[in-house]
């Protein structure tokens, strides 16, 4: 358990563990979030695209990086799924993010931040750092693509090899989900989407440790 490996006297650790407990106790149909087992300050999340917008039906994976001073300093957000509103792999400039610490309130939480992130999706980017202004049709197309599968590293055979070669290393184990093969993963539920996303992240680490370039063909 994470609580057995971290300093519970650290205010940030205590706060993060409390937020984890609250999220597990009261889930949401709009998002799911989980910390990485080896780093309480890195969260992975998936959010549903807001209803009645060009993002509706989309499932978007991203990262939250919490500072050591959390909750007195704000988190950083990075989207990993193409969406047409936020650039992927870049820290997003929002009033609730690390780009604007003057707006952040210590009473806010990861739940607050994810709710706000969803609300920001259909708003204009206005040239902010990490923002994009794709057309509605392009965003609808990306929303459809977001449901096709988890983030990909290398080809399908390599993904299946890494998952089977390193039992227990997949993100599925973190959430208690059993994958029989990468081709069987579906994103019909937010929890399933998060498990697949974390599995892909850990898969990438397995390939690096094995000395294999994740982007190269077999």
N, C-alpha and C. Protein backbone atom coordinates (compact mmCIF):
# COMPACT_ATOMS: atom_id res chain seq x y z
N UNK A 1 0.84 -1.19 0.00
CA UNK A 1 0.00 0.00 0.00
C UNK A 1 0.88 1.25 0.00
N UNK A 2 0.39 2.29 -0.71
CA UNK A 2 1.16 3.53 -0.79
C UNK A 2 1.38 4.14 0.58
N UNK A 3 0.38 4.03 1.47
CA UNK A 3 0.48 4.65 2.79
C UNK A 3 1.57 4.03 3.65
N UNK A 4 2.01 2.81 3.30
CA UNK A 4 3.05 2.14 4.07
C UNK A 4 4.45 2.51 3.60
N UNK A 5 4.56 3.19 2.47
CA UNK A 5 5.86 3.49 1.89
C UNK A 5 6.21 4.98 1.92
N UNK A 6 5.28 5.82 2.35
CA UNK A 6 5.52 7.25 2.33
C UNK A 6 5.42 7.84 3.73
N UNK A 7 6.06 8.97 3.90
CA UNK A 7 6.09 9.66 5.19
C UNK A 7 4.73 10.28 5.50
N UNK A 8 4.00 9.66 6.41
CA UNK A 8 2.65 10.14 6.71
C UNK A 8 2.67 11.44 7.51
N UNK A 9 3.84 11.87 7.95
CA UNK A 9 3.93 13.15 8.65
C UNK A 9 4.03 14.32 7.67
N UNK A 10 4.32 13.99 6.44
CA UNK A 10 4.41 15.03 5.40
C UNK A 10 3.01 15.54 5.09
N UNK A 11 2.75 16.85 5.24
CA UNK A 11 1.40 17.38 5.00
C UNK A 11 0.87 17.09 3.60
N UNK A 12 1.75 17.15 2.60
CA UNK A 12 1.30 16.89 1.23
C UNK A 12 0.88 15.43 1.08
N UNK A 13 1.67 14.51 1.65
CA UNK A 13 1.34 13.08 1.57
C UNK A 13 0.01 12.80 2.26
N UNK A 14 -0.18 13.37 3.45
CA UNK A 14 -1.43 13.18 4.18
C UNK A 14 -2.61 13.68 3.37
N UNK A 15 -2.46 14.83 2.75
CA UNK A 15 -3.54 15.41 1.96
C UNK A 15 -3.85 14.53 0.74
N UNK A 16 -2.81 14.08 0.05
CA UNK A 16 -3.01 13.25 -1.15
C UNK A 16 -3.70 11.94 -0.79
N UNK A 17 -3.27 11.30 0.28
CA UNK A 17 -3.90 10.04 0.69
C UNK A 17 -5.36 10.26 1.06
N UNK A 18 -5.66 11.39 1.68
CA UNK A 18 -7.04 11.70 2.03
C UNK A 18 -7.88 11.88 0.77
N UNK A 19 -7.32 12.55 -0.23
CA UNK A 19 -8.05 12.75 -1.48
C UNK A 19 -8.27 11.43 -2.20
N UNK A 20 -7.26 10.55 -2.17
CA UNK A 20 -7.42 9.23 -2.77
C UNK A 20 -8.59 8.49 -2.13
N UNK A 21 -8.64 8.53 -0.81
CA UNK A 21 -9.69 7.84 -0.06
C UNK A 21 -11.06 8.40 -0.43
N UNK A 22 -11.17 9.72 -0.51
CA UNK A 22 -12.44 10.35 -0.83
C UNK A 22 -12.89 10.03 -2.26
N UNK A 23 -11.95 10.00 -3.19
CA UNK A 23 -12.30 9.67 -4.57
C UNK A 23 -12.77 8.23 -4.69
N UNK A 24 -12.15 7.33 -3.95
CA UNK A 24 -12.56 5.92 -3.98
C UNK A 24 -13.94 5.74 -3.35
N UNK A 25 -14.23 6.55 -2.33
CA UNK A 25 -15.51 6.41 -1.62
C UNK A 25 -16.67 7.01 -2.39
N UNK A 26 -16.39 8.03 -3.18
CA UNK A 26 -17.47 8.70 -3.93
C UNK A 26 -17.01 8.92 -5.36
N UNK A 27 -17.25 7.93 -6.18
CA UNK A 27 -16.81 7.98 -7.56
C UNK A 27 -17.60 8.98 -8.39
N UNK A 28 -17.19 9.16 -9.62
CA UNK A 28 -17.85 10.07 -10.54
C UNK A 28 -18.08 9.36 -11.87
N UNK A 29 -19.15 9.71 -12.55
CA UNK A 29 -19.40 9.17 -13.88
C UNK A 29 -18.69 9.99 -14.95
N UNK A 30 -18.09 11.11 -14.54
CA UNK A 30 -17.44 12.02 -15.49
C UNK A 30 -15.94 11.85 -15.55
N UNK A 31 -15.34 11.29 -14.53
CA UNK A 31 -13.89 11.12 -14.53
C UNK A 31 -13.48 10.03 -13.56
N UNK A 32 -12.24 9.54 -13.74
CA UNK A 32 -11.62 8.61 -12.80
C UNK A 32 -10.16 9.03 -12.68
N UNK A 33 -9.58 8.84 -11.51
CA UNK A 33 -8.19 9.24 -11.30
C UNK A 33 -7.53 8.30 -10.32
N UNK A 34 -6.23 8.10 -10.50
CA UNK A 34 -5.47 7.22 -9.61
C UNK A 34 -4.01 7.66 -9.60
N UNK A 35 -3.35 7.49 -8.46
CA UNK A 35 -1.92 7.81 -8.38
C UNK A 35 -1.12 6.63 -8.92
N UNK A 36 0.11 6.90 -9.32
CA UNK A 36 1.03 5.81 -9.65
C UNK A 36 1.51 5.19 -8.35
N UNK A 37 1.68 3.89 -8.35
CA UNK A 37 2.07 3.17 -7.14
C UNK A 37 3.38 3.67 -6.55
N UNK A 38 4.30 4.10 -7.40
CA UNK A 38 5.62 4.49 -6.90
C UNK A 38 5.79 6.00 -6.75
N UNK A 39 4.72 6.77 -6.98
CA UNK A 39 4.84 8.22 -6.90
C UNK A 39 3.49 8.85 -6.61
N UNK A 40 3.26 9.21 -5.35
CA UNK A 40 1.98 9.80 -4.97
C UNK A 40 1.74 11.15 -5.63
N UNK A 41 2.79 11.78 -6.12
CA UNK A 41 2.66 13.12 -6.67
C UNK A 41 2.36 13.11 -8.17
N UNK A 42 2.25 11.92 -8.76
CA UNK A 42 1.84 11.82 -10.16
C UNK A 42 0.53 11.03 -10.24
N UNK A 43 -0.50 11.67 -10.72
CA UNK A 43 -1.80 11.05 -10.92
C UNK A 43 -2.05 10.87 -12.41
N UNK A 44 -2.78 9.82 -12.74
CA UNK A 44 -3.28 9.66 -14.11
C UNK A 44 -4.80 9.69 -14.04
N UNK A 45 -5.39 10.27 -15.06
CA UNK A 45 -6.84 10.42 -15.06
C UNK A 45 -7.41 10.18 -16.44
N UNK A 46 -8.68 9.88 -16.47
CA UNK A 46 -9.46 9.92 -17.71
C UNK A 46 -10.71 10.72 -17.43
N UNK A 47 -11.11 11.52 -18.40
CA UNK A 47 -12.33 12.31 -18.28
C UNK A 47 -13.20 12.04 -19.49
N UNK A 48 -14.51 12.09 -19.28
CA UNK A 48 -15.45 12.05 -20.40
C UNK A 48 -15.56 13.45 -20.98
N UNK A 49 -15.69 13.51 -22.31
CA UNK A 49 -15.95 14.80 -22.93
C UNK A 49 -17.30 15.33 -22.47
N UNK A 50 -17.42 16.64 -22.20
CA UNK A 50 -18.68 17.19 -21.70
C UNK A 50 -19.83 17.00 -22.68
N UNK A 51 -21.01 16.72 -22.14
CA UNK A 51 -22.20 16.49 -22.96
C UNK A 51 -22.58 17.75 -23.73
N UNK A 52 -23.25 17.53 -24.87
CA UNK A 52 -23.75 18.62 -25.71
C UNK A 52 -22.63 19.52 -26.23
N UNK A 53 -21.45 18.95 -26.39
CA UNK A 53 -20.33 19.67 -27.00
C UNK A 53 -19.69 18.75 -28.04
N UNK A 54 -18.75 19.30 -28.78
CA UNK A 54 -18.05 18.50 -29.79
C UNK A 54 -17.16 17.42 -29.16
N UNK A 55 -16.98 17.47 -27.84
CA UNK A 55 -16.17 16.47 -27.15
C UNK A 55 -17.01 15.31 -26.62
N UNK A 56 -18.31 15.40 -26.73
CA UNK A 56 -19.19 14.37 -26.16
C UNK A 56 -18.85 13.00 -26.73
N UNK A 57 -18.78 12.01 -25.87
CA UNK A 57 -18.45 10.65 -26.29
C UNK A 57 -16.97 10.35 -26.23
N UNK A 58 -16.14 11.38 -26.08
CA UNK A 58 -14.70 11.16 -26.02
C UNK A 58 -14.25 10.72 -24.63
N UNK A 59 -13.15 9.97 -24.58
CA UNK A 59 -12.53 9.56 -23.32
C UNK A 59 -11.07 9.98 -23.40
N UNK A 60 -10.69 10.89 -22.53
CA UNK A 60 -9.39 11.54 -22.64
C UNK A 60 -8.49 11.23 -21.43
N UNK A 61 -7.29 10.80 -21.74
CA UNK A 61 -6.31 10.41 -20.72
C UNK A 61 -5.32 11.55 -20.49
N UNK A 62 -4.95 11.76 -19.24
CA UNK A 62 -3.97 12.79 -18.94
C UNK A 62 -3.24 12.54 -17.63
N UNK A 63 -2.32 13.44 -17.31
CA UNK A 63 -1.52 13.35 -16.09
C UNK A 63 -1.72 14.60 -15.24
N UNK A 64 -1.65 14.42 -13.94
CA UNK A 64 -1.62 15.53 -13.00
C UNK A 64 -0.33 15.40 -12.20
N UNK A 65 0.47 16.45 -12.19
CA UNK A 65 1.71 16.47 -11.43
C UNK A 65 1.53 17.42 -10.25
N UNK A 66 1.60 16.86 -9.04
CA UNK A 66 1.41 17.66 -7.84
C UNK A 66 2.76 18.13 -7.30
N UNK A 67 2.88 19.39 -6.91
CA UNK A 67 4.15 19.88 -6.36
C UNK A 67 4.35 19.39 -4.93
N UNK A 68 5.58 19.38 -4.43
CA UNK A 68 5.83 18.96 -3.05
C UNK A 68 5.08 19.82 -2.03
N UNK A 69 4.73 21.05 -2.43
CA UNK A 69 4.04 21.97 -1.52
C UNK A 69 2.52 21.85 -1.59
N UNK A 70 2.02 20.88 -2.36
CA UNK A 70 0.57 20.69 -2.48
C UNK A 70 -0.04 20.47 -1.09
N UNK A 71 -1.20 21.06 -0.78
CA UNK A 71 -2.12 21.79 -1.65
C UNK A 71 -1.93 23.30 -1.64
N UNK A 72 -0.78 23.78 -1.15
CA UNK A 72 -0.57 25.22 -1.08
C UNK A 72 -0.08 25.80 -2.41
N UNK A 73 0.36 24.92 -3.30
CA UNK A 73 0.69 25.31 -4.66
C UNK A 73 -0.11 24.42 -5.62
N UNK A 74 -0.47 24.94 -6.79
CA UNK A 74 -1.37 24.22 -7.70
C UNK A 74 -0.68 23.12 -8.49
N UNK A 75 -1.47 22.18 -9.00
CA UNK A 75 -0.95 21.09 -9.83
C UNK A 75 -0.70 21.54 -11.27
N UNK A 76 0.00 20.69 -12.00
CA UNK A 76 0.17 20.86 -13.45
C UNK A 76 -0.64 19.78 -14.15
N UNK A 77 -1.17 20.10 -15.32
CA UNK A 77 -1.98 19.16 -16.09
C UNK A 77 -1.37 18.95 -17.46
N UNK A 78 -1.35 17.70 -17.90
CA UNK A 78 -0.91 17.37 -19.26
C UNK A 78 -1.90 16.39 -19.85
N UNK A 79 -2.38 16.68 -21.05
CA UNK A 79 -3.25 15.75 -21.76
C UNK A 79 -2.40 14.82 -22.61
N UNK A 80 -2.74 13.55 -22.63
CA UNK A 80 -2.01 12.56 -23.42
C UNK A 80 -2.81 12.07 -24.62
N UNK A 81 -4.12 12.34 -24.62
CA UNK A 81 -4.99 11.95 -25.73
C UNK A 81 -5.25 13.17 -26.60
N UNK A 82 -5.09 13.02 -27.91
CA UNK A 82 -5.39 14.13 -28.82
C UNK A 82 -6.84 14.53 -28.69
N UNK A 83 -7.09 15.82 -28.61
CA UNK A 83 -8.45 16.29 -28.34
C UNK A 83 -8.84 17.55 -29.10
N UNK A 84 -7.88 18.30 -29.61
CA UNK A 84 -8.19 19.50 -30.37
C UNK A 84 -8.40 20.75 -29.54
N UNK A 85 -8.30 20.63 -28.24
CA UNK A 85 -8.43 21.80 -27.34
C UNK A 85 -7.13 22.07 -26.59
N UNK A 86 -6.47 21.00 -26.13
CA UNK A 86 -5.21 21.13 -25.41
C UNK A 86 -4.13 20.33 -26.13
N UNK A 87 -2.94 20.89 -26.24
CA UNK A 87 -1.82 20.16 -26.83
C UNK A 87 -1.46 18.98 -25.94
N UNK A 88 -1.01 17.91 -26.55
CA UNK A 88 -0.63 16.73 -25.78
C UNK A 88 0.81 16.86 -25.29
N UNK A 89 1.05 16.37 -24.07
CA UNK A 89 2.39 16.36 -23.52
C UNK A 89 2.92 17.71 -23.07
N UNK A 90 2.07 18.72 -23.05
CA UNK A 90 2.49 20.06 -22.64
C UNK A 90 1.66 20.51 -21.44
N UNK A 91 2.31 21.17 -20.48
CA UNK A 91 1.58 21.68 -19.33
C UNK A 91 0.57 22.73 -19.77
N UNK A 92 -0.67 22.52 -19.36
CA UNK A 92 -1.78 23.36 -19.80
C UNK A 92 -1.87 24.62 -18.94
N UNK A 93 -2.13 25.74 -19.60
CA UNK A 93 -2.31 27.00 -18.89
C UNK A 93 -3.79 27.21 -18.59
N UNK A 94 -4.16 27.00 -17.33
CA UNK A 94 -5.52 27.24 -16.86
C UNK A 94 -5.45 28.01 -15.55
N UNK A 95 -6.54 28.62 -15.17
CA UNK A 95 -6.55 29.38 -13.92
C UNK A 95 -6.37 28.49 -12.70
N UNK A 96 -6.58 27.17 -12.87
CA UNK A 96 -6.42 26.23 -11.76
C UNK A 96 -5.09 25.49 -11.81
N UNK A 97 -4.22 25.87 -12.75
CA UNK A 97 -2.97 25.12 -12.94
C UNK A 97 -1.77 25.90 -12.42
N UNK A 98 -0.60 25.27 -12.53
CA UNK A 98 0.64 25.86 -12.03
C UNK A 98 1.02 27.14 -12.77
N UNK A 99 0.40 27.40 -13.91
CA UNK A 99 0.68 28.64 -14.63
C UNK A 99 0.10 29.86 -13.91
N UNK A 100 -0.88 29.63 -13.04
CA UNK A 100 -1.53 30.74 -12.34
C UNK A 100 -1.66 30.44 -10.84
N UNK A 101 -0.53 30.37 -10.14
CA UNK A 101 -0.59 30.05 -8.71
C UNK A 101 -1.36 31.08 -7.90
N UNK A 102 -1.48 32.30 -8.44
CA UNK A 102 -2.18 33.35 -7.70
C UNK A 102 -3.68 33.07 -7.56
N UNK A 103 -4.22 32.20 -8.44
CA UNK A 103 -5.65 31.89 -8.39
C UNK A 103 -5.95 30.65 -7.55
N UNK A 104 -4.96 29.85 -7.28
CA UNK A 104 -5.18 28.56 -6.63
C UNK A 104 -5.57 28.73 -5.16
N UNK A 105 -6.52 27.88 -4.72
CA UNK A 105 -6.96 27.87 -3.33
C UNK A 105 -6.61 26.52 -2.70
N UNK A 106 -5.96 26.49 -1.53
CA UNK A 106 -5.60 25.22 -0.89
C UNK A 106 -6.79 24.32 -0.59
N UNK A 107 -7.98 24.89 -0.52
CA UNK A 107 -9.17 24.07 -0.26
C UNK A 107 -9.60 23.28 -1.49
N UNK A 108 -9.07 23.65 -2.67
CA UNK A 108 -9.39 22.90 -3.88
C UNK A 108 -8.65 21.57 -3.87
N UNK A 109 -9.10 20.65 -4.71
CA UNK A 109 -8.57 19.29 -4.72
C UNK A 109 -8.42 18.77 -6.14
N UNK A 110 -7.93 17.54 -6.27
CA UNK A 110 -7.86 16.91 -7.59
C UNK A 110 -9.26 16.81 -8.19
N UNK A 111 -10.24 16.47 -7.38
CA UNK A 111 -11.62 16.41 -7.86
C UNK A 111 -12.06 17.77 -8.40
N UNK A 112 -11.79 18.83 -7.65
CA UNK A 112 -12.13 20.18 -8.09
C UNK A 112 -11.46 20.49 -9.42
N UNK A 113 -10.18 20.15 -9.52
CA UNK A 113 -9.40 20.47 -10.71
C UNK A 113 -9.92 19.71 -11.93
N UNK A 114 -10.26 18.43 -11.77
CA UNK A 114 -10.76 17.66 -12.90
C UNK A 114 -12.13 18.16 -13.35
N UNK A 115 -12.97 18.53 -12.41
CA UNK A 115 -14.27 19.10 -12.75
C UNK A 115 -14.09 20.38 -13.55
N UNK A 116 -13.14 21.22 -13.12
CA UNK A 116 -12.86 22.46 -13.83
C UNK A 116 -12.27 22.20 -15.21
N UNK A 117 -11.38 21.21 -15.31
CA UNK A 117 -10.77 20.88 -16.60
C UNK A 117 -11.83 20.50 -17.62
N UNK A 118 -12.80 19.69 -17.21
CA UNK A 118 -13.89 19.31 -18.11
C UNK A 118 -14.66 20.54 -18.56
N UNK A 119 -14.92 21.45 -17.63
CA UNK A 119 -15.67 22.66 -17.96
C UNK A 119 -14.90 23.56 -18.92
N UNK A 120 -13.57 23.54 -18.84
CA UNK A 120 -12.75 24.38 -19.72
C UNK A 120 -12.69 23.84 -21.15
N UNK A 121 -12.96 22.55 -21.36
CA UNK A 121 -12.75 21.94 -22.67
C UNK A 121 -13.47 22.66 -23.81
N UNK A 122 -14.75 23.02 -23.68
CA UNK A 122 -15.43 23.68 -24.80
C UNK A 122 -15.22 25.19 -24.87
N UNK A 123 -14.37 25.75 -24.02
CA UNK A 123 -14.15 27.20 -24.04
C UNK A 123 -13.04 27.55 -25.03
N UNK A 124 -13.02 28.79 -25.54
CA UNK A 124 -11.98 29.20 -26.49
C UNK A 124 -10.59 29.17 -25.86
N UNK A 125 -9.59 28.78 -26.65
CA UNK A 125 -8.23 28.73 -26.14
C UNK A 125 -7.60 30.10 -25.97
N UNK A 126 -7.95 31.02 -26.87
CA UNK A 126 -7.46 32.41 -26.81
C UNK A 126 -5.94 32.51 -26.72
N UNK A 127 -5.26 31.58 -27.37
CA UNK A 127 -3.81 31.65 -27.44
C UNK A 127 -3.07 31.30 -26.17
N UNK A 128 -3.75 30.73 -25.18
CA UNK A 128 -3.09 30.37 -23.92
C UNK A 128 -2.09 29.24 -24.16
N UNK A 129 -1.09 29.14 -23.30
CA UNK A 129 -0.07 28.09 -23.43
C UNK A 129 -0.74 26.72 -23.38
N UNK A 130 -0.41 25.88 -24.36
CA UNK A 130 -0.96 24.53 -24.39
C UNK A 130 -2.36 24.44 -24.95
N UNK A 131 -2.92 25.57 -25.45
CA UNK A 131 -4.28 25.56 -25.98
C UNK A 131 -4.27 25.40 -27.49
N UNK A 132 -5.35 24.85 -28.02
CA UNK A 132 -5.53 24.68 -29.45
C UNK A 132 -6.97 25.05 -29.79
N UNK A 133 -7.20 25.45 -31.03
CA UNK A 133 -8.54 25.82 -31.46
C UNK A 133 -8.91 25.08 -32.74
N UNK A 134 -9.01 23.76 -32.64
CA UNK A 134 -9.46 22.96 -33.78
C UNK A 134 -10.93 23.24 -34.04
N UNK A 135 -11.37 22.92 -35.25
CA UNK A 135 -12.78 23.08 -35.58
C UNK A 135 -13.61 22.05 -34.83
N UNK A 136 -14.92 22.29 -34.75
CA UNK A 136 -15.80 21.34 -34.05
C UNK A 136 -15.78 19.98 -34.72
N UNK A 137 -15.73 19.97 -36.05
CA UNK A 137 -15.71 18.69 -36.76
C UNK A 137 -14.44 17.91 -36.46
N UNK A 138 -13.32 18.61 -36.41
CA UNK A 138 -12.05 17.93 -36.09
C UNK A 138 -12.08 17.38 -34.67
N UNK A 139 -12.66 18.13 -33.76
CA UNK A 139 -12.74 17.67 -32.38
C UNK A 139 -13.67 16.47 -32.25
N UNK A 140 -14.77 16.46 -33.01
CA UNK A 140 -15.68 15.32 -32.99
C UNK A 140 -14.96 14.07 -33.50
N UNK A 141 -14.16 14.24 -34.54
CA UNK A 141 -13.41 13.10 -35.08
C UNK A 141 -12.42 12.57 -34.05
N UNK A 142 -11.74 13.47 -33.35
CA UNK A 142 -10.79 13.06 -32.32
C UNK A 142 -11.50 12.40 -31.14
N UNK A 143 -12.72 12.87 -30.84
CA UNK A 143 -13.50 12.25 -29.75
C UNK A 143 -13.80 10.79 -30.09
N UNK A 144 -14.14 10.53 -31.35
CA UNK A 144 -14.39 9.15 -31.78
C UNK A 144 -13.12 8.32 -31.70
N UNK A 145 -12.00 8.88 -32.15
CA UNK A 145 -10.74 8.15 -32.13
C UNK A 145 -10.28 7.84 -30.71
N UNK A 146 -10.65 8.70 -29.76
CA UNK A 146 -10.19 8.52 -28.38
C UNK A 146 -10.73 7.24 -27.76
N UNK A 147 -11.80 6.69 -28.33
CA UNK A 147 -12.41 5.48 -27.77
C UNK A 147 -11.87 4.20 -28.39
N UNK A 148 -10.99 4.32 -29.37
CA UNK A 148 -10.54 3.13 -30.10
C UNK A 148 -9.57 2.27 -29.31
N UNK A 149 -8.81 2.85 -28.39
CA UNK A 149 -7.85 2.04 -27.64
C UNK A 149 -6.96 2.91 -26.79
N UNK A 150 -6.16 2.29 -25.94
CA UNK A 150 -5.26 3.02 -25.05
C UNK A 150 -4.08 3.60 -25.82
N UNK A 151 -3.30 4.48 -25.19
CA UNK A 151 -2.09 4.99 -25.83
C UNK A 151 -1.20 3.84 -26.29
N UNK A 152 -0.56 4.00 -27.42
CA UNK A 152 0.17 2.91 -28.05
C UNK A 152 1.67 3.15 -28.03
N UNK A 153 2.43 2.11 -27.75
CA UNK A 153 3.89 2.18 -27.78
C UNK A 153 4.37 1.00 -28.61
N UNK A 154 4.88 1.27 -29.82
CA UNK A 154 5.27 0.17 -30.68
C UNK A 154 4.05 -0.50 -31.29
N UNK A 155 4.26 -1.65 -31.92
CA UNK A 155 3.13 -2.31 -32.56
C UNK A 155 2.42 -3.26 -31.60
N UNK A 156 1.30 -3.82 -32.06
CA UNK A 156 0.45 -4.65 -31.20
C UNK A 156 1.20 -5.86 -30.64
N UNK A 157 2.01 -6.51 -31.46
CA UNK A 157 2.73 -7.69 -31.00
C UNK A 157 3.69 -7.34 -29.86
N UNK A 158 4.35 -6.20 -29.99
CA UNK A 158 5.28 -5.80 -28.93
C UNK A 158 4.53 -5.49 -27.65
N UNK A 159 3.38 -4.85 -27.76
CA UNK A 159 2.58 -4.54 -26.58
C UNK A 159 2.17 -5.82 -25.87
N UNK A 160 1.70 -6.80 -26.64
CA UNK A 160 1.28 -8.07 -26.05
C UNK A 160 2.48 -8.78 -25.41
N UNK A 161 3.63 -8.72 -26.08
CA UNK A 161 4.82 -9.38 -25.55
C UNK A 161 5.20 -8.78 -24.21
N UNK A 162 5.24 -7.46 -24.12
CA UNK A 162 5.67 -6.81 -22.89
C UNK A 162 4.71 -7.10 -21.74
N UNK A 163 3.42 -7.11 -22.02
CA UNK A 163 2.45 -7.38 -20.96
C UNK A 163 2.60 -8.80 -20.42
N UNK A 164 2.83 -9.76 -21.33
CA UNK A 164 2.95 -11.15 -20.89
C UNK A 164 4.34 -11.45 -20.33
N UNK A 165 5.35 -10.69 -20.79
CA UNK A 165 6.72 -10.95 -20.33
C UNK A 165 6.96 -10.40 -18.93
N UNK A 166 6.14 -9.47 -18.52
CA UNK A 166 6.32 -8.86 -17.20
C UNK A 166 5.02 -8.93 -16.41
N UNK A 167 4.66 -10.12 -15.93
CA UNK A 167 3.40 -10.27 -15.20
C UNK A 167 3.33 -9.31 -14.02
N UNK A 168 2.17 -8.72 -13.84
CA UNK A 168 1.95 -7.82 -12.72
C UNK A 168 2.45 -6.41 -12.94
N UNK A 169 3.13 -6.16 -14.08
CA UNK A 169 3.66 -4.82 -14.32
C UNK A 169 2.64 -3.91 -15.00
N UNK A 170 1.58 -4.47 -15.54
CA UNK A 170 0.59 -3.65 -16.22
C UNK A 170 -0.24 -2.84 -15.26
N UNK A 171 -0.73 -1.69 -15.75
CA UNK A 171 -1.57 -0.85 -14.92
C UNK A 171 -2.87 -1.52 -14.54
N UNK A 172 -3.26 -2.57 -15.28
CA UNK A 172 -4.48 -3.29 -14.94
C UNK A 172 -4.42 -3.81 -13.52
N UNK A 173 -3.23 -4.25 -13.11
CA UNK A 173 -3.08 -4.80 -11.76
C UNK A 173 -3.35 -3.74 -10.70
N UNK A 174 -3.06 -2.49 -11.03
CA UNK A 174 -3.29 -1.41 -10.06
C UNK A 174 -4.76 -1.25 -9.75
N UNK A 175 -5.61 -1.50 -10.75
CA UNK A 175 -7.04 -1.28 -10.57
C UNK A 175 -7.82 -2.57 -10.47
N UNK A 176 -7.12 -3.71 -10.40
CA UNK A 176 -7.82 -4.97 -10.24
C UNK A 176 -8.53 -5.44 -11.49
N UNK A 177 -8.04 -5.04 -12.66
CA UNK A 177 -8.65 -5.44 -13.92
C UNK A 177 -7.75 -6.46 -14.59
N UNK A 178 -8.32 -7.53 -15.12
CA UNK A 178 -7.53 -8.57 -15.76
C UNK A 178 -7.59 -8.43 -17.28
N UNK A 179 -6.42 -8.29 -17.93
CA UNK A 179 -6.36 -8.21 -19.38
C UNK A 179 -5.86 -9.56 -19.91
N UNK A 180 -6.57 -10.17 -20.83
CA UNK A 180 -6.11 -11.41 -21.44
C UNK A 180 -5.21 -11.12 -22.63
N UNK A 181 -5.22 -9.92 -23.14
CA UNK A 181 -4.40 -9.53 -24.27
C UNK A 181 -4.72 -8.10 -24.64
N UNK A 182 -3.73 -7.40 -25.19
CA UNK A 182 -3.94 -5.99 -25.49
C UNK A 182 -5.10 -5.79 -26.46
N UNK A 183 -5.27 -6.72 -27.39
CA UNK A 183 -6.34 -6.55 -28.38
C UNK A 183 -7.72 -6.68 -27.77
N UNK A 184 -7.82 -7.18 -26.52
CA UNK A 184 -9.11 -7.34 -25.87
C UNK A 184 -9.51 -6.14 -25.03
N UNK A 185 -8.60 -5.15 -24.89
CA UNK A 185 -8.89 -4.00 -24.04
C UNK A 185 -9.94 -3.12 -24.71
N UNK A 186 -10.97 -2.75 -23.96
CA UNK A 186 -11.98 -1.81 -24.46
C UNK A 186 -12.08 -0.66 -23.49
N UNK A 187 -12.58 0.46 -23.97
CA UNK A 187 -12.68 1.66 -23.15
C UNK A 187 -14.14 2.03 -22.93
N UNK A 188 -14.96 1.04 -22.67
CA UNK A 188 -16.38 1.30 -22.48
C UNK A 188 -16.68 1.89 -21.11
N UNK A 189 -15.77 1.72 -20.15
CA UNK A 189 -15.94 2.28 -18.81
C UNK A 189 -14.74 3.15 -18.49
N UNK A 190 -14.96 4.18 -17.70
CA UNK A 190 -13.85 5.05 -17.33
C UNK A 190 -12.76 4.30 -16.59
N UNK A 191 -13.14 3.40 -15.70
CA UNK A 191 -12.13 2.64 -14.96
C UNK A 191 -11.30 1.80 -15.92
N UNK A 192 -11.94 1.21 -16.92
CA UNK A 192 -11.22 0.44 -17.91
C UNK A 192 -10.27 1.30 -18.71
N UNK A 193 -10.72 2.52 -19.01
CA UNK A 193 -9.87 3.43 -19.76
C UNK A 193 -8.64 3.81 -18.96
N UNK A 194 -8.82 4.08 -17.69
CA UNK A 194 -7.69 4.46 -16.85
C UNK A 194 -6.72 3.29 -16.71
N UNK A 195 -7.25 2.09 -16.52
CA UNK A 195 -6.39 0.92 -16.39
C UNK A 195 -5.56 0.73 -17.65
N UNK A 196 -6.19 0.89 -18.82
CA UNK A 196 -5.48 0.72 -20.08
C UNK A 196 -4.41 1.78 -20.25
N UNK A 197 -4.75 3.01 -19.87
CA UNK A 197 -3.79 4.10 -20.02
C UNK A 197 -2.57 3.88 -19.14
N UNK A 198 -2.79 3.49 -17.89
CA UNK A 198 -1.66 3.25 -16.99
C UNK A 198 -0.88 2.03 -17.45
N UNK A 199 -1.57 1.03 -17.97
CA UNK A 199 -0.88 -0.16 -18.50
C UNK A 199 0.07 0.24 -19.61
N UNK A 200 -0.39 1.14 -20.49
CA UNK A 200 0.46 1.58 -21.59
C UNK A 200 1.67 2.34 -21.08
N UNK A 201 1.46 3.16 -20.07
CA UNK A 201 2.57 3.91 -19.49
C UNK A 201 3.62 2.97 -18.90
N UNK A 202 3.16 1.99 -18.11
CA UNK A 202 4.10 1.06 -17.48
C UNK A 202 4.74 0.14 -18.52
N UNK A 203 3.99 -0.15 -19.58
CA UNK A 203 4.54 -0.94 -20.67
C UNK A 203 5.74 -0.23 -21.28
N UNK A 204 5.61 1.07 -21.47
CA UNK A 204 6.70 1.86 -22.02
C UNK A 204 7.95 1.73 -21.14
N UNK A 205 7.75 1.76 -19.81
CA UNK A 205 8.87 1.64 -18.89
C UNK A 205 9.51 0.25 -18.98
N UNK A 206 8.68 -0.79 -19.15
CA UNK A 206 9.19 -2.16 -19.26
C UNK A 206 10.09 -2.28 -20.48
N UNK A 207 9.67 -1.69 -21.61
CA UNK A 207 10.46 -1.78 -22.83
C UNK A 207 11.79 -1.04 -22.67
N UNK A 208 11.75 0.11 -22.02
CA UNK A 208 12.98 0.88 -21.82
C UNK A 208 13.96 0.08 -20.96
N UNK A 209 13.47 -0.52 -19.87
CA UNK A 209 14.32 -1.32 -18.99
C UNK A 209 14.91 -2.51 -19.74
N UNK A 210 14.12 -3.07 -20.68
CA UNK A 210 14.58 -4.21 -21.46
C UNK A 210 15.55 -3.81 -22.56
N UNK A 211 15.80 -2.50 -22.71
CA UNK A 211 16.72 -2.03 -23.72
C UNK A 211 16.14 -2.01 -25.12
N UNK A 212 14.81 -1.92 -25.22
CA UNK A 212 14.14 -1.92 -26.52
C UNK A 212 13.53 -0.56 -26.77
N UNK A 213 13.74 -0.02 -27.95
CA UNK A 213 13.14 1.27 -28.32
C UNK A 213 11.64 1.07 -28.51
N UNK A 214 10.78 1.69 -27.67
CA UNK A 214 9.33 1.47 -27.77
C UNK A 214 8.74 1.90 -29.10
N UNK A 215 9.40 2.83 -29.81
CA UNK A 215 8.82 3.36 -31.05
C UNK A 215 9.23 2.57 -32.28
N UNK A 216 10.21 1.67 -32.15
CA UNK A 216 10.71 0.96 -33.31
C UNK A 216 9.90 -0.31 -33.57
N UNK A 217 9.82 -0.76 -34.84
CA UNK A 217 9.12 -2.01 -35.13
C UNK A 217 9.91 -3.20 -34.62
N UNK A 218 9.21 -4.35 -34.51
CA UNK A 218 9.92 -5.56 -34.07
C UNK A 218 10.97 -5.97 -35.11
